[in-house]
Each structure stands twice: as C-alpha cells, then as structure tokens.
Amino acid sequence: MDKLTPTDLLSLEEYHKQRPRLRAEVLAHKRHRQVGIGPNLTLYFEDRVTMRYQVQEMLRVERIFESEAIVEELGAYNPLIPDGSNLKATMMLEYPDVDERRAALESLRGIEDRVYLEVGKLGRVFANADEDMTRTDSTKTSAVHFLRFEVDAPIRASLKDAAKLRFGVDHDRYRYEVEVADAVRAALAGDLD
C-alpha cells in the first residue's frame, strides 16, 4: 500500500468544503475495519484511507499549511499504513469508569504483547507493539497501543482465499477470542496487496 505524500492531501479550504462527504465515506469504510475482542478491547485497523483522513483532520485542527509541517505530519502517520505483508491497528482499552480504567490498566501490563491473529489452522501470529515508543511502564499499560501483525505468504494466501480469521488476547487477566465476519476479513485481506 502506497504511503501518503503531500500531493494526496487537500488544501485546508478544499478539505473544509469536502469534509462532510469525506467524513461519511471514511466512517463507512471503517465499519468493516474494527474488531472488538472481549468487552473492553477494540482493534481499529488502519490503511491509507483512514490515515489520509487522520492527517487531514490534524492539519485542519492545528491549522497546518506549511510544507515542512505537512511532511512532518505525514512522517508520523505513514508508518501506520500497512506494507502489504502486514496488518496495522490501533488498539484501544476502553473502560467508561475512570477508577475501573485505572485498575484495569494496572492489571493488564503487557497485554499489547499478547494480542494475536489466527488464519485457519496456521497458528497464532502475535502483534509487534509500539515500535515507535514504549507505552507500558512498571506500574501500568497505556489505553492506546499501535500494533503490527506481520503475516507470511501462506497466511496471506489463506486469508485471501476466505479462510476463517480470528483475533484474540492471551493475557492472564484478559483472555478472549473472536472470529470476524466475512466483510471484516475481506476488508483486511485487501491490506495485503
């Protein structure tokens, strides 16, 4: 999947005009790019479309229009675009109650290293987490992690051939697994071109 360049982006003025339509399109696109694992963990799979929208939103909110600053934003977000041999996701640990969230983040240290995918019977592929920076310390994990699932050629082929796709977490305090719907599997298989 190609990385974004400045020529892929709209000017602030043009983005403002097209934003309602683009937002609706991206929300529809994202519908088949998220996987809930258990009651509190969700994977939001990123691609060129989601990252373009994210960059456009950052430029809009921060009123960035200088070329150097735009290139800097692209440098921050381009690593979240899949490379054809992997899937990339933002992992969110979501707890509505602040005290419950604090306790959960303390008890779930290392959870980001225990998230996996499994295609058919080809075995588990555990995610590589937070390659940009450490988000877990000695007392707690973060509520947000960035994951990369590196998948080999047999797994990519099986996924494209509609093999069952499961995601799970194998952590002492959080063990769940879910098989994804065909629409989600197909959307994610498209990231492997």
N, C-alpha and C. Protein backbone atom coordinates (compact mmCIF):
# COMPACT_ATOMS: atom_id res chain seq x y z
N MET A 1 0.86 -1.17 0.00
CA MET A 1 0.00 0.00 0.00
C MET A 1 0.90 1.23 0.00
N ASP A 2 0.66 2.15 -0.90
CA ASP A 2 1.49 3.34 -1.02
C ASP A 2 1.34 4.25 0.19
N LYS A 3 2.44 4.87 0.57
CA LYS A 3 2.43 5.85 1.64
C LYS A 3 1.86 7.16 1.09
N LEU A 4 1.42 8.02 1.98
CA LEU A 4 0.86 9.30 1.59
C LEU A 4 1.96 10.31 1.29
N THR A 5 1.70 11.17 0.33
CA THR A 5 2.60 12.28 0.01
C THR A 5 1.78 13.57 0.09
N PRO A 6 2.43 14.72 0.13
CA PRO A 6 1.68 15.98 0.17
C PRO A 6 0.67 16.13 -0.98
N THR A 7 0.96 15.54 -2.13
CA THR A 7 0.03 15.68 -3.26
C THR A 7 -1.27 14.89 -3.05
N ASP A 8 -1.29 13.97 -2.07
CA ASP A 8 -2.51 13.22 -1.76
C ASP A 8 -3.49 14.00 -0.89
N LEU A 9 -3.04 15.13 -0.39
CA LEU A 9 -3.83 15.90 0.58
C LEU A 9 -4.50 17.09 -0.08
N LEU A 10 -5.64 17.44 0.47
CA LEU A 10 -6.37 18.63 0.02
C LEU A 10 -5.89 19.85 0.80
N SER A 11 -6.02 21.00 0.20
CA SER A 11 -5.74 22.24 0.94
C SER A 11 -6.75 22.35 2.07
N LEU A 12 -6.45 23.18 3.06
CA LEU A 12 -7.39 23.36 4.17
C LEU A 12 -8.75 23.84 3.68
N GLU A 13 -8.75 24.73 2.73
CA GLU A 13 -10.01 25.27 2.21
C GLU A 13 -10.81 24.19 1.48
N GLU A 14 -10.13 23.43 0.62
CA GLU A 14 -10.82 22.38 -0.13
C GLU A 14 -11.30 21.27 0.81
N TYR A 15 -10.49 20.93 1.79
CA TYR A 15 -10.90 19.90 2.75
C TYR A 15 -12.14 20.36 3.52
N HIS A 16 -12.17 21.62 3.91
CA HIS A 16 -13.34 22.16 4.61
C HIS A 16 -14.61 21.98 3.78
N LYS A 17 -14.52 22.23 2.48
CA LYS A 17 -15.68 22.08 1.60
C LYS A 17 -16.12 20.63 1.48
N GLN A 18 -15.17 19.72 1.41
CA GLN A 18 -15.48 18.32 1.17
C GLN A 18 -15.61 17.48 2.44
N ARG A 19 -15.32 18.08 3.58
CA ARG A 19 -15.25 17.33 4.83
C ARG A 19 -16.51 16.51 5.16
N PRO A 20 -17.72 17.06 5.05
CA PRO A 20 -18.89 16.23 5.39
C PRO A 20 -18.98 14.95 4.54
N ARG A 21 -18.73 15.08 3.25
CA ARG A 21 -18.78 13.91 2.37
C ARG A 21 -17.65 12.93 2.70
N LEU A 22 -16.44 13.45 2.87
CA LEU A 22 -15.29 12.60 3.17
C LEU A 22 -15.46 11.89 4.51
N ARG A 23 -15.99 12.60 5.49
CA ARG A 23 -16.21 12.00 6.81
C ARG A 23 -17.17 10.83 6.71
N ALA A 24 -18.26 11.01 5.99
CA ALA A 24 -19.23 9.94 5.82
C ALA A 24 -18.61 8.74 5.11
N GLU A 25 -17.81 9.01 4.09
CA GLU A 25 -17.15 7.92 3.36
C GLU A 25 -16.17 7.16 4.26
N VAL A 26 -15.41 7.87 5.06
CA VAL A 26 -14.44 7.22 5.93
C VAL A 26 -15.14 6.42 7.03
N LEU A 27 -16.20 6.96 7.59
CA LEU A 27 -16.94 6.21 8.61
C LEU A 27 -17.51 4.92 8.04
N ALA A 28 -18.01 4.96 6.82
CA ALA A 28 -18.50 3.74 6.17
C ALA A 28 -17.35 2.77 5.93
N HIS A 29 -16.21 3.28 5.51
CA HIS A 29 -15.02 2.46 5.27
C HIS A 29 -14.55 1.79 6.56
N LYS A 30 -14.58 2.50 7.66
CA LYS A 30 -14.09 1.98 8.94
C LYS A 30 -15.00 0.91 9.54
N ARG A 31 -16.25 0.88 9.11
CA ARG A 31 -17.21 -0.05 9.69
C ARG A 31 -16.73 -1.50 9.65
N HIS A 32 -16.02 -1.87 8.60
CA HIS A 32 -15.53 -3.24 8.46
C HIS A 32 -14.05 -3.35 8.79
N ARG A 33 -13.55 -2.40 9.57
CA ARG A 33 -12.13 -2.38 9.91
C ARG A 33 -11.91 -2.32 11.42
N GLN A 34 -12.89 -2.77 12.16
CA GLN A 34 -12.72 -2.80 13.61
C GLN A 34 -13.16 -4.15 14.16
N VAL A 35 -12.43 -4.57 15.20
CA VAL A 35 -12.69 -5.88 15.81
C VAL A 35 -12.69 -5.70 17.32
N GLY A 36 -13.82 -5.98 17.94
CA GLY A 36 -13.91 -5.99 19.40
C GLY A 36 -13.49 -7.36 19.92
N ILE A 37 -12.58 -7.37 20.87
CA ILE A 37 -12.13 -8.61 21.50
C ILE A 37 -12.47 -8.50 22.97
N GLY A 38 -13.49 -9.22 23.38
CA GLY A 38 -13.97 -9.10 24.76
C GLY A 38 -14.67 -7.77 24.95
N PRO A 39 -15.02 -7.44 26.19
CA PRO A 39 -15.84 -6.26 26.45
C PRO A 39 -15.09 -4.92 26.42
N ASN A 40 -13.75 -4.93 26.47
CA ASN A 40 -13.05 -3.67 26.67
C ASN A 40 -11.90 -3.40 25.70
N LEU A 41 -11.65 -4.26 24.75
CA LEU A 41 -10.53 -4.06 23.84
C LEU A 41 -11.04 -4.04 22.40
N THR A 42 -10.65 -3.03 21.66
CA THR A 42 -11.04 -2.92 20.26
C THR A 42 -9.81 -2.63 19.42
N LEU A 43 -9.70 -3.33 18.30
CA LEU A 43 -8.67 -3.07 17.30
C LEU A 43 -9.30 -2.28 16.17
N TYR A 44 -8.68 -1.15 15.83
CA TYR A 44 -9.11 -0.31 14.72
C TYR A 44 -8.03 -0.41 13.66
N PHE A 45 -8.32 -1.13 12.57
CA PHE A 45 -7.31 -1.38 11.55
C PHE A 45 -7.17 -0.18 10.63
N GLU A 46 -5.91 0.21 10.46
CA GLU A 46 -5.57 1.40 9.70
C GLU A 46 -5.19 1.03 8.28
N ASP A 47 -5.37 1.97 7.38
CA ASP A 47 -4.92 1.83 6.00
C ASP A 47 -4.73 3.23 5.42
N ARG A 48 -4.51 3.29 4.16
CA ARG A 48 -4.24 4.58 3.50
C ARG A 48 -5.44 5.54 3.64
N VAL A 49 -6.64 5.02 3.55
CA VAL A 49 -7.85 5.84 3.65
C VAL A 49 -7.99 6.42 5.05
N THR A 50 -7.84 5.58 6.07
CA THR A 50 -8.00 6.06 7.45
C THR A 50 -6.90 7.05 7.82
N MET A 51 -5.69 6.80 7.33
CA MET A 51 -4.58 7.69 7.66
C MET A 51 -4.67 9.02 6.91
N ARG A 52 -5.16 8.97 5.69
CA ARG A 52 -5.34 10.24 4.95
C ARG A 52 -6.34 11.11 5.70
N TYR A 53 -7.43 10.51 6.14
CA TYR A 53 -8.44 11.26 6.89
C TYR A 53 -7.84 11.80 8.19
N GLN A 54 -7.07 10.98 8.89
CA GLN A 54 -6.47 11.41 10.15
C GLN A 54 -5.52 12.60 9.93
N VAL A 55 -4.71 12.51 8.90
CA VAL A 55 -3.78 13.61 8.60
C VAL A 55 -4.57 14.87 8.24
N GLN A 56 -5.58 14.73 7.40
CA GLN A 56 -6.38 15.90 7.01
C GLN A 56 -7.02 16.55 8.25
N GLU A 57 -7.51 15.71 9.17
CA GLU A 57 -8.12 16.24 10.39
C GLU A 57 -7.09 16.97 11.25
N MET A 58 -5.89 16.40 11.38
CA MET A 58 -4.84 17.05 12.16
C MET A 58 -4.45 18.39 11.54
N LEU A 59 -4.31 18.41 10.23
CA LEU A 59 -3.97 19.67 9.56
C LEU A 59 -5.06 20.71 9.79
N ARG A 60 -6.31 20.28 9.74
CA ARG A 60 -7.45 21.19 9.93
C ARG A 60 -7.46 21.73 11.35
N VAL A 61 -7.37 20.84 12.34
CA VAL A 61 -7.46 21.23 13.74
C VAL A 61 -6.31 22.15 14.13
N GLU A 62 -5.12 21.81 13.66
CA GLU A 62 -3.93 22.58 14.04
C GLU A 62 -3.61 23.71 13.05
N ARG A 63 -4.45 23.86 12.03
CA ARG A 63 -4.27 24.90 11.02
C ARG A 63 -2.87 24.85 10.41
N ILE A 64 -2.48 23.66 10.02
CA ILE A 64 -1.16 23.47 9.42
C ILE A 64 -1.27 23.61 7.91
N PHE A 65 -0.45 24.49 7.35
CA PHE A 65 -0.44 24.65 5.90
C PHE A 65 0.98 24.78 5.35
N GLU A 66 1.99 24.86 6.23
CA GLU A 66 3.37 24.96 5.78
C GLU A 66 3.86 23.60 5.29
N SER A 67 4.58 23.58 4.20
CA SER A 67 5.06 22.34 3.58
C SER A 67 5.83 21.46 4.55
N GLU A 68 6.75 22.06 5.30
CA GLU A 68 7.60 21.28 6.21
C GLU A 68 6.76 20.62 7.30
N ALA A 69 5.79 21.34 7.83
CA ALA A 69 4.93 20.79 8.88
C ALA A 69 4.04 19.68 8.33
N ILE A 70 3.60 19.81 7.10
CA ILE A 70 2.78 18.76 6.48
C ILE A 70 3.62 17.49 6.31
N VAL A 71 4.83 17.64 5.84
CA VAL A 71 5.73 16.49 5.68
C VAL A 71 5.98 15.83 7.04
N GLU A 72 6.10 16.63 8.08
CA GLU A 72 6.30 16.09 9.43
C GLU A 72 5.09 15.26 9.87
N GLU A 73 3.89 15.77 9.62
CA GLU A 73 2.67 15.01 9.95
C GLU A 73 2.63 13.69 9.18
N LEU A 74 2.95 13.73 7.90
CA LEU A 74 2.97 12.50 7.10
C LEU A 74 3.98 11.52 7.67
N GLY A 75 5.11 12.01 8.13
CA GLY A 75 6.11 11.15 8.73
C GLY A 75 5.61 10.45 9.98
N ALA A 76 4.72 11.10 10.71
CA ALA A 76 4.16 10.50 11.92
C ALA A 76 3.09 9.45 11.60
N TYR A 77 2.32 9.66 10.54
CA TYR A 77 1.18 8.79 10.26
C TYR A 77 1.46 7.71 9.21
N ASN A 78 2.38 7.93 8.30
CA ASN A 78 2.67 6.93 7.27
C ASN A 78 3.08 5.57 7.82
N PRO A 79 3.80 5.49 8.94
CA PRO A 79 4.15 4.16 9.47
C PRO A 79 2.93 3.31 9.86
N LEU A 80 1.77 3.93 10.00
CA LEU A 80 0.57 3.16 10.35
C LEU A 80 -0.16 2.59 9.13
N ILE A 81 0.36 2.84 7.94
CA ILE A 81 -0.22 2.28 6.72
C ILE A 81 0.42 0.92 6.47
N PRO A 82 -0.38 -0.13 6.25
CA PRO A 82 0.19 -1.47 6.01
C PRO A 82 1.12 -1.48 4.80
N ASP A 83 2.08 -2.41 4.85
CA ASP A 83 3.11 -2.51 3.82
C ASP A 83 2.86 -3.64 2.81
N GLY A 84 1.72 -4.31 2.92
CA GLY A 84 1.43 -5.42 2.00
C GLY A 84 1.69 -6.78 2.62
N SER A 85 2.55 -6.83 3.63
CA SER A 85 2.82 -8.10 4.31
C SER A 85 2.38 -8.04 5.77
N ASN A 86 1.59 -7.02 6.09
CA ASN A 86 1.16 -6.88 7.48
C ASN A 86 -0.18 -6.18 7.58
N LEU A 87 -0.74 -6.28 8.76
CA LEU A 87 -1.93 -5.53 9.15
C LEU A 87 -1.51 -4.61 10.28
N LYS A 88 -2.02 -3.39 10.29
CA LYS A 88 -1.66 -2.44 11.34
C LYS A 88 -2.93 -1.93 12.00
N ALA A 89 -2.88 -1.85 13.32
CA ALA A 89 -4.08 -1.48 14.07
C ALA A 89 -3.74 -0.58 15.24
N THR A 90 -4.70 0.25 15.59
CA THR A 90 -4.67 0.99 16.84
C THR A 90 -5.50 0.17 17.82
N MET A 91 -4.90 -0.20 18.94
CA MET A 91 -5.59 -0.97 19.97
C MET A 91 -6.03 -0.02 21.07
N MET A 92 -7.31 -0.09 21.42
CA MET A 92 -7.85 0.76 22.47
C MET A 92 -8.41 -0.11 23.59
N LEU A 93 -7.99 0.18 24.81
CA LEU A 93 -8.59 -0.42 26.00
C LEU A 93 -9.59 0.61 26.52
N GLU A 94 -10.87 0.24 26.47
CA GLU A 94 -11.93 1.21 26.73
C GLU A 94 -12.75 0.81 27.96
N TYR A 95 -12.67 1.66 28.98
CA TYR A 95 -13.42 1.50 30.22
C TYR A 95 -14.08 2.84 30.52
N PRO A 96 -15.40 2.89 30.60
CA PRO A 96 -16.07 4.18 30.80
C PRO A 96 -15.81 4.80 32.18
N ASP A 97 -15.65 3.98 33.20
CA ASP A 97 -15.43 4.47 34.55
C ASP A 97 -13.94 4.70 34.79
N VAL A 98 -13.58 5.87 35.27
CA VAL A 98 -12.18 6.26 35.46
C VAL A 98 -11.47 5.33 36.44
N ASP A 99 -12.09 5.03 37.56
CA ASP A 99 -11.45 4.15 38.55
C ASP A 99 -11.28 2.74 38.02
N GLU A 100 -12.30 2.24 37.31
CA GLU A 100 -12.20 0.92 36.70
C GLU A 100 -11.09 0.89 35.66
N ARG A 101 -10.99 1.94 34.85
CA ARG A 101 -9.94 2.02 33.84
C ARG A 101 -8.55 2.02 34.49
N ARG A 102 -8.37 2.80 35.53
CA ARG A 102 -7.08 2.88 36.21
C ARG A 102 -6.68 1.49 36.74
N ALA A 103 -7.61 0.81 37.39
CA ALA A 103 -7.32 -0.53 37.94
C ALA A 103 -7.02 -1.52 36.81
N ALA A 104 -7.78 -1.44 35.74
CA ALA A 104 -7.57 -2.36 34.61
C ALA A 104 -6.21 -2.14 33.97
N LEU A 105 -5.83 -0.89 33.75
CA LEU A 105 -4.54 -0.61 33.11
C LEU A 105 -3.38 -1.07 33.98
N GLU A 106 -3.57 -1.06 35.30
CA GLU A 106 -2.54 -1.58 36.19
C GLU A 106 -2.45 -3.10 36.10
N SER A 107 -3.58 -3.76 35.98
CA SER A 107 -3.58 -5.23 35.97
C SER A 107 -3.30 -5.83 34.59
N LEU A 108 -3.35 -5.01 33.55
CA LEU A 108 -3.18 -5.52 32.18
C LEU A 108 -1.82 -5.17 31.57
N ARG A 109 -0.84 -4.90 32.40
CA ARG A 109 0.50 -4.61 31.88
C ARG A 109 0.94 -5.74 30.95
N GLY A 110 1.46 -5.37 29.79
CA GLY A 110 1.95 -6.35 28.81
C GLY A 110 0.88 -6.90 27.89
N ILE A 111 -0.35 -6.47 28.03
CA ILE A 111 -1.43 -7.01 27.19
C ILE A 111 -1.16 -6.79 25.70
N GLU A 112 -0.50 -5.68 25.37
CA GLU A 112 -0.23 -5.35 23.97
C GLU A 112 0.63 -6.40 23.29
N ASP A 113 1.40 -7.16 24.06
CA ASP A 113 2.24 -8.21 23.50
C ASP A 113 1.54 -9.56 23.43
N ARG A 114 0.29 -9.62 23.86
CA ARG A 114 -0.45 -10.88 23.90
C ARG A 114 -1.65 -10.89 22.95
N VAL A 115 -1.70 -9.94 22.03
CA VAL A 115 -2.78 -9.86 21.04
C VAL A 115 -2.33 -10.63 19.80
N TYR A 116 -3.20 -11.47 19.27
CA TYR A 116 -2.82 -12.31 18.13
C TYR A 116 -3.93 -12.39 17.10
N LEU A 117 -3.53 -12.83 15.92
CA LEU A 117 -4.48 -13.23 14.89
C LEU A 117 -4.18 -14.68 14.52
N GLU A 118 -5.19 -15.33 14.00
CA GLU A 118 -5.03 -16.71 13.53
C GLU A 118 -5.90 -16.88 12.29
N VAL A 119 -5.28 -17.36 11.24
CA VAL A 119 -5.98 -17.61 9.98
C VAL A 119 -6.05 -19.11 9.78
N GLY A 120 -7.28 -19.62 9.67
CA GLY A 120 -7.46 -21.07 9.52
C GLY A 120 -6.79 -21.81 10.66
N LYS A 121 -6.00 -22.80 10.30
CA LYS A 121 -5.27 -23.61 11.30
C LYS A 121 -3.77 -23.34 11.23
N LEU A 122 -3.38 -22.16 10.77
CA LEU A 122 -1.97 -21.86 10.53
C LEU A 122 -1.23 -21.34 11.76
N GLY A 123 -1.86 -21.32 12.90
CA GLY A 123 -1.19 -20.89 14.12
C GLY A 123 -1.35 -19.41 14.38
N ARG A 124 -1.01 -19.04 15.59
CA ARG A 124 -1.15 -17.65 16.02
C ARG A 124 0.02 -16.78 15.55
N VAL A 125 -0.32 -15.55 15.20
CA VAL A 125 0.68 -14.53 14.89
C VAL A 125 0.46 -13.42 15.91
N PHE A 126 1.43 -13.25 16.82
CA PHE A 126 1.32 -12.21 17.83
C PHE A 126 1.77 -10.88 17.25
N ALA A 127 1.12 -9.83 17.70
CA ALA A 127 1.40 -8.48 17.22
C ALA A 127 2.74 -7.98 17.76
N ASN A 128 3.39 -7.16 16.95
CA ASN A 128 4.52 -6.34 17.41
C ASN A 128 3.89 -5.03 17.86
N ALA A 129 4.18 -4.64 19.10
CA ALA A 129 3.51 -3.48 19.67
C ALA A 129 4.44 -2.30 19.84
N ASP A 130 3.89 -1.12 19.59
CA ASP A 130 4.51 0.14 19.97
C ASP A 130 5.97 0.24 19.54
N GLU A 131 6.20 0.06 18.27
CA GLU A 131 7.58 0.13 17.76
C GLU A 131 8.14 1.54 17.79
N ASP A 132 7.26 2.53 17.91
CA ASP A 132 7.73 3.92 17.94
C ASP A 132 8.17 4.36 19.33
N MET A 133 7.52 3.83 20.37
CA MET A 133 7.87 4.19 21.75
C MET A 133 7.20 3.23 22.72
N THR A 134 7.78 3.10 23.88
CA THR A 134 7.21 2.25 24.92
C THR A 134 6.01 2.94 25.53
N ARG A 135 4.91 2.22 25.64
CA ARG A 135 3.70 2.79 26.20
C ARG A 135 3.29 2.12 27.51
N THR A 136 4.10 1.15 27.94
CA THR A 136 3.85 0.48 29.21
C THR A 136 5.02 0.80 30.13
N ASP A 137 4.71 1.07 31.39
CA ASP A 137 5.79 1.28 32.35
C ASP A 137 5.68 0.24 33.46
N SER A 138 6.40 0.42 34.54
CA SER A 138 6.44 -0.59 35.59
C SER A 138 5.16 -0.68 36.40
N THR A 139 4.25 0.28 36.22
CA THR A 139 3.02 0.26 37.01
C THR A 139 1.75 0.02 36.21
N LYS A 140 1.78 0.33 34.90
CA LYS A 140 0.54 0.20 34.13
C LYS A 140 0.84 0.14 32.64
N THR A 141 -0.18 -0.27 31.89
CA THR A 141 -0.13 -0.19 30.43
C THR A 141 -0.87 1.06 30.00
N SER A 142 -0.77 1.38 28.74
CA SER A 142 -1.48 2.53 28.18
C SER A 142 -2.84 2.07 27.67
N ALA A 143 -3.76 3.00 27.55
CA ALA A 143 -5.08 2.68 26.98
C ALA A 143 -5.02 2.60 25.46
N VAL A 144 -3.93 3.08 24.85
CA VAL A 144 -3.78 3.08 23.39
C VAL A 144 -2.43 2.46 23.03
N HIS A 145 -2.46 1.53 22.09
CA HIS A 145 -1.23 0.90 21.57
C HIS A 145 -1.34 0.81 20.06
N PHE A 146 -0.19 0.78 19.40
CA PHE A 146 -0.14 0.62 17.95
C PHE A 146 0.48 -0.74 17.66
N LEU A 147 -0.26 -1.56 16.90
CA LEU A 147 0.12 -2.95 16.65
C LEU A 147 0.40 -3.19 15.17
N ARG A 148 1.35 -4.10 14.94
CA ARG A 148 1.64 -4.57 13.57
C ARG A 148 1.63 -6.09 13.61
N PHE A 149 0.80 -6.70 12.77
CA PHE A 149 0.74 -8.15 12.61
C PHE A 149 1.46 -8.50 11.32
N GLU A 150 2.64 -9.07 11.42
CA GLU A 150 3.42 -9.45 10.24
C GLU A 150 2.97 -10.85 9.82
N VAL A 151 2.46 -10.98 8.60
CA VAL A 151 1.91 -12.27 8.15
C VAL A 151 2.68 -12.78 6.94
N ASP A 152 3.02 -14.07 7.00
CA ASP A 152 3.81 -14.66 5.92
C ASP A 152 2.92 -15.01 4.72
N ALA A 153 3.55 -15.44 3.64
CA ALA A 153 2.84 -15.71 2.39
C ALA A 153 1.73 -16.74 2.53
N PRO A 154 1.94 -17.88 3.24
CA PRO A 154 0.83 -18.84 3.38
C PRO A 154 -0.38 -18.25 4.11
N ILE A 155 -0.14 -17.45 5.12
CA ILE A 155 -1.25 -16.84 5.85
C ILE A 155 -1.96 -15.82 4.97
N ARG A 156 -1.19 -15.02 4.23
CA ARG A 156 -1.82 -14.04 3.32
C ARG A 156 -2.68 -14.75 2.29
N ALA A 157 -2.17 -15.83 1.70
CA ALA A 157 -2.92 -16.57 0.69
C ALA A 157 -4.20 -17.16 1.28
N SER A 158 -4.10 -17.74 2.48
CA SER A 158 -5.29 -18.32 3.12
C SER A 158 -6.33 -17.26 3.44
N LEU A 159 -5.86 -16.12 3.91
CA LEU A 159 -6.80 -15.05 4.23
C LEU A 159 -7.52 -14.56 2.98
N LYS A 160 -6.80 -14.45 1.88
CA LYS A 160 -7.42 -14.03 0.63
C LYS A 160 -8.36 -15.09 0.06
N ASP A 161 -8.11 -16.36 0.43
CA ASP A 161 -8.97 -17.46 -0.01
C ASP A 161 -10.13 -17.70 0.94
N ALA A 162 -10.42 -16.73 1.80
CA ALA A 162 -11.57 -16.73 2.69
C ALA A 162 -11.46 -17.70 3.86
N ALA A 163 -10.24 -18.03 4.28
CA ALA A 163 -10.08 -18.84 5.50
C ALA A 163 -10.61 -18.04 6.69
N LYS A 164 -11.03 -18.74 7.71
CA LYS A 164 -11.54 -18.09 8.91
C LYS A 164 -10.44 -17.25 9.56
N LEU A 165 -10.81 -16.07 10.01
CA LEU A 165 -9.88 -15.16 10.67
C LEU A 165 -10.37 -14.91 12.09
N ARG A 166 -9.47 -15.15 13.03
CA ARG A 166 -9.77 -14.92 14.43
C ARG A 166 -8.73 -13.96 15.02
N PHE A 167 -9.18 -13.17 15.97
CA PHE A 167 -8.30 -12.33 16.77
C PHE A 167 -8.54 -12.69 18.22
N GLY A 168 -7.48 -12.61 19.00
CA GLY A 168 -7.63 -12.93 20.40
C GLY A 168 -6.59 -12.24 21.25
N VAL A 169 -6.79 -12.41 22.55
CA VAL A 169 -5.85 -11.91 23.55
C VAL A 169 -5.59 -13.05 24.51
N ASP A 170 -4.32 -13.33 24.75
CA ASP A 170 -3.91 -14.41 25.65
C ASP A 170 -3.09 -13.80 26.80
N HIS A 171 -3.80 -13.08 27.66
CA HIS A 171 -3.19 -12.42 28.82
C HIS A 171 -3.81 -13.04 30.07
N ASP A 172 -3.04 -13.19 31.13
CA ASP A 172 -3.56 -13.82 32.34
C ASP A 172 -4.85 -13.20 32.86
N ARG A 173 -5.02 -11.91 32.64
CA ARG A 173 -6.20 -11.21 33.17
C ARG A 173 -7.22 -10.83 32.09
N TYR A 174 -6.95 -11.24 30.85
CA TYR A 174 -7.87 -10.89 29.76
C TYR A 174 -7.68 -11.92 28.66
N ARG A 175 -8.57 -12.90 28.61
CA ARG A 175 -8.50 -13.96 27.59
C ARG A 175 -9.82 -14.00 26.83
N TYR A 176 -9.73 -13.60 25.58
CA TYR A 176 -10.90 -13.62 24.71
C TYR A 176 -10.43 -13.92 23.30
N GLU A 177 -11.34 -14.50 22.51
CA GLU A 177 -11.07 -14.72 21.10
C GLU A 177 -12.36 -14.51 20.34
N VAL A 178 -12.24 -13.99 19.12
CA VAL A 178 -13.42 -13.72 18.31
C VAL A 178 -13.11 -14.06 16.86
N GLU A 179 -14.07 -14.68 16.19
CA GLU A 179 -13.96 -14.89 14.74
C GLU A 179 -14.65 -13.72 14.07
N VAL A 180 -13.98 -13.14 13.08
CA VAL A 180 -14.53 -11.94 12.46
C VAL A 180 -15.49 -12.30 11.33
N ALA A 181 -16.36 -11.37 11.04
CA ALA A 181 -17.33 -11.53 9.95
C ALA A 181 -16.59 -11.51 8.62
N ASP A 182 -17.21 -12.09 7.60
CA ASP A 182 -16.60 -12.15 6.27
C ASP A 182 -16.27 -10.77 5.72
N ALA A 183 -17.12 -9.78 6.00
CA ALA A 183 -16.87 -8.42 5.49
C ALA A 183 -15.59 -7.83 6.10
N VAL A 184 -15.35 -8.12 7.36
CA VAL A 184 -14.13 -7.64 8.03
C VAL A 184 -12.93 -8.39 7.46
N ARG A 185 -13.04 -9.70 7.32
CA ARG A 185 -11.94 -10.50 6.77
C ARG A 185 -11.58 -10.00 5.38
N ALA A 186 -12.58 -9.73 4.54
CA ALA A 186 -12.32 -9.27 3.17
C ALA A 186 -11.65 -7.89 3.18
N ALA A 187 -12.11 -7.00 4.05
CA ALA A 187 -11.50 -5.66 4.13
C ALA A 187 -10.03 -5.76 4.54
N LEU A 188 -9.74 -6.59 5.51
CA LEU A 188 -8.36 -6.73 5.98
C LEU A 188 -7.49 -7.45 4.97
N ALA A 189 -8.05 -8.43 4.26
CA ALA A 189 -7.30 -9.13 3.23
C ALA A 189 -6.86 -8.14 2.14
N GLY A 190 -7.66 -7.11 1.91
CA GLY A 190 -7.31 -6.09 0.93
C GLY A 190 -6.05 -5.30 1.29
N ASP A 191 -5.69 -5.31 2.57
CA ASP A 191 -4.47 -4.62 3.01
C ASP A 191 -3.22 -5.38 2.62
N LEU A 192 -3.38 -6.60 2.16
CA LEU A 192 -2.24 -7.48 1.89
C LEU A 192 -1.88 -7.52 0.41
N ASP A 193 -2.25 -6.49 -0.33
CA ASP A 193 -1.91 -6.42 -1.76
C ASP A 193 -0.62 -5.66 -1.96
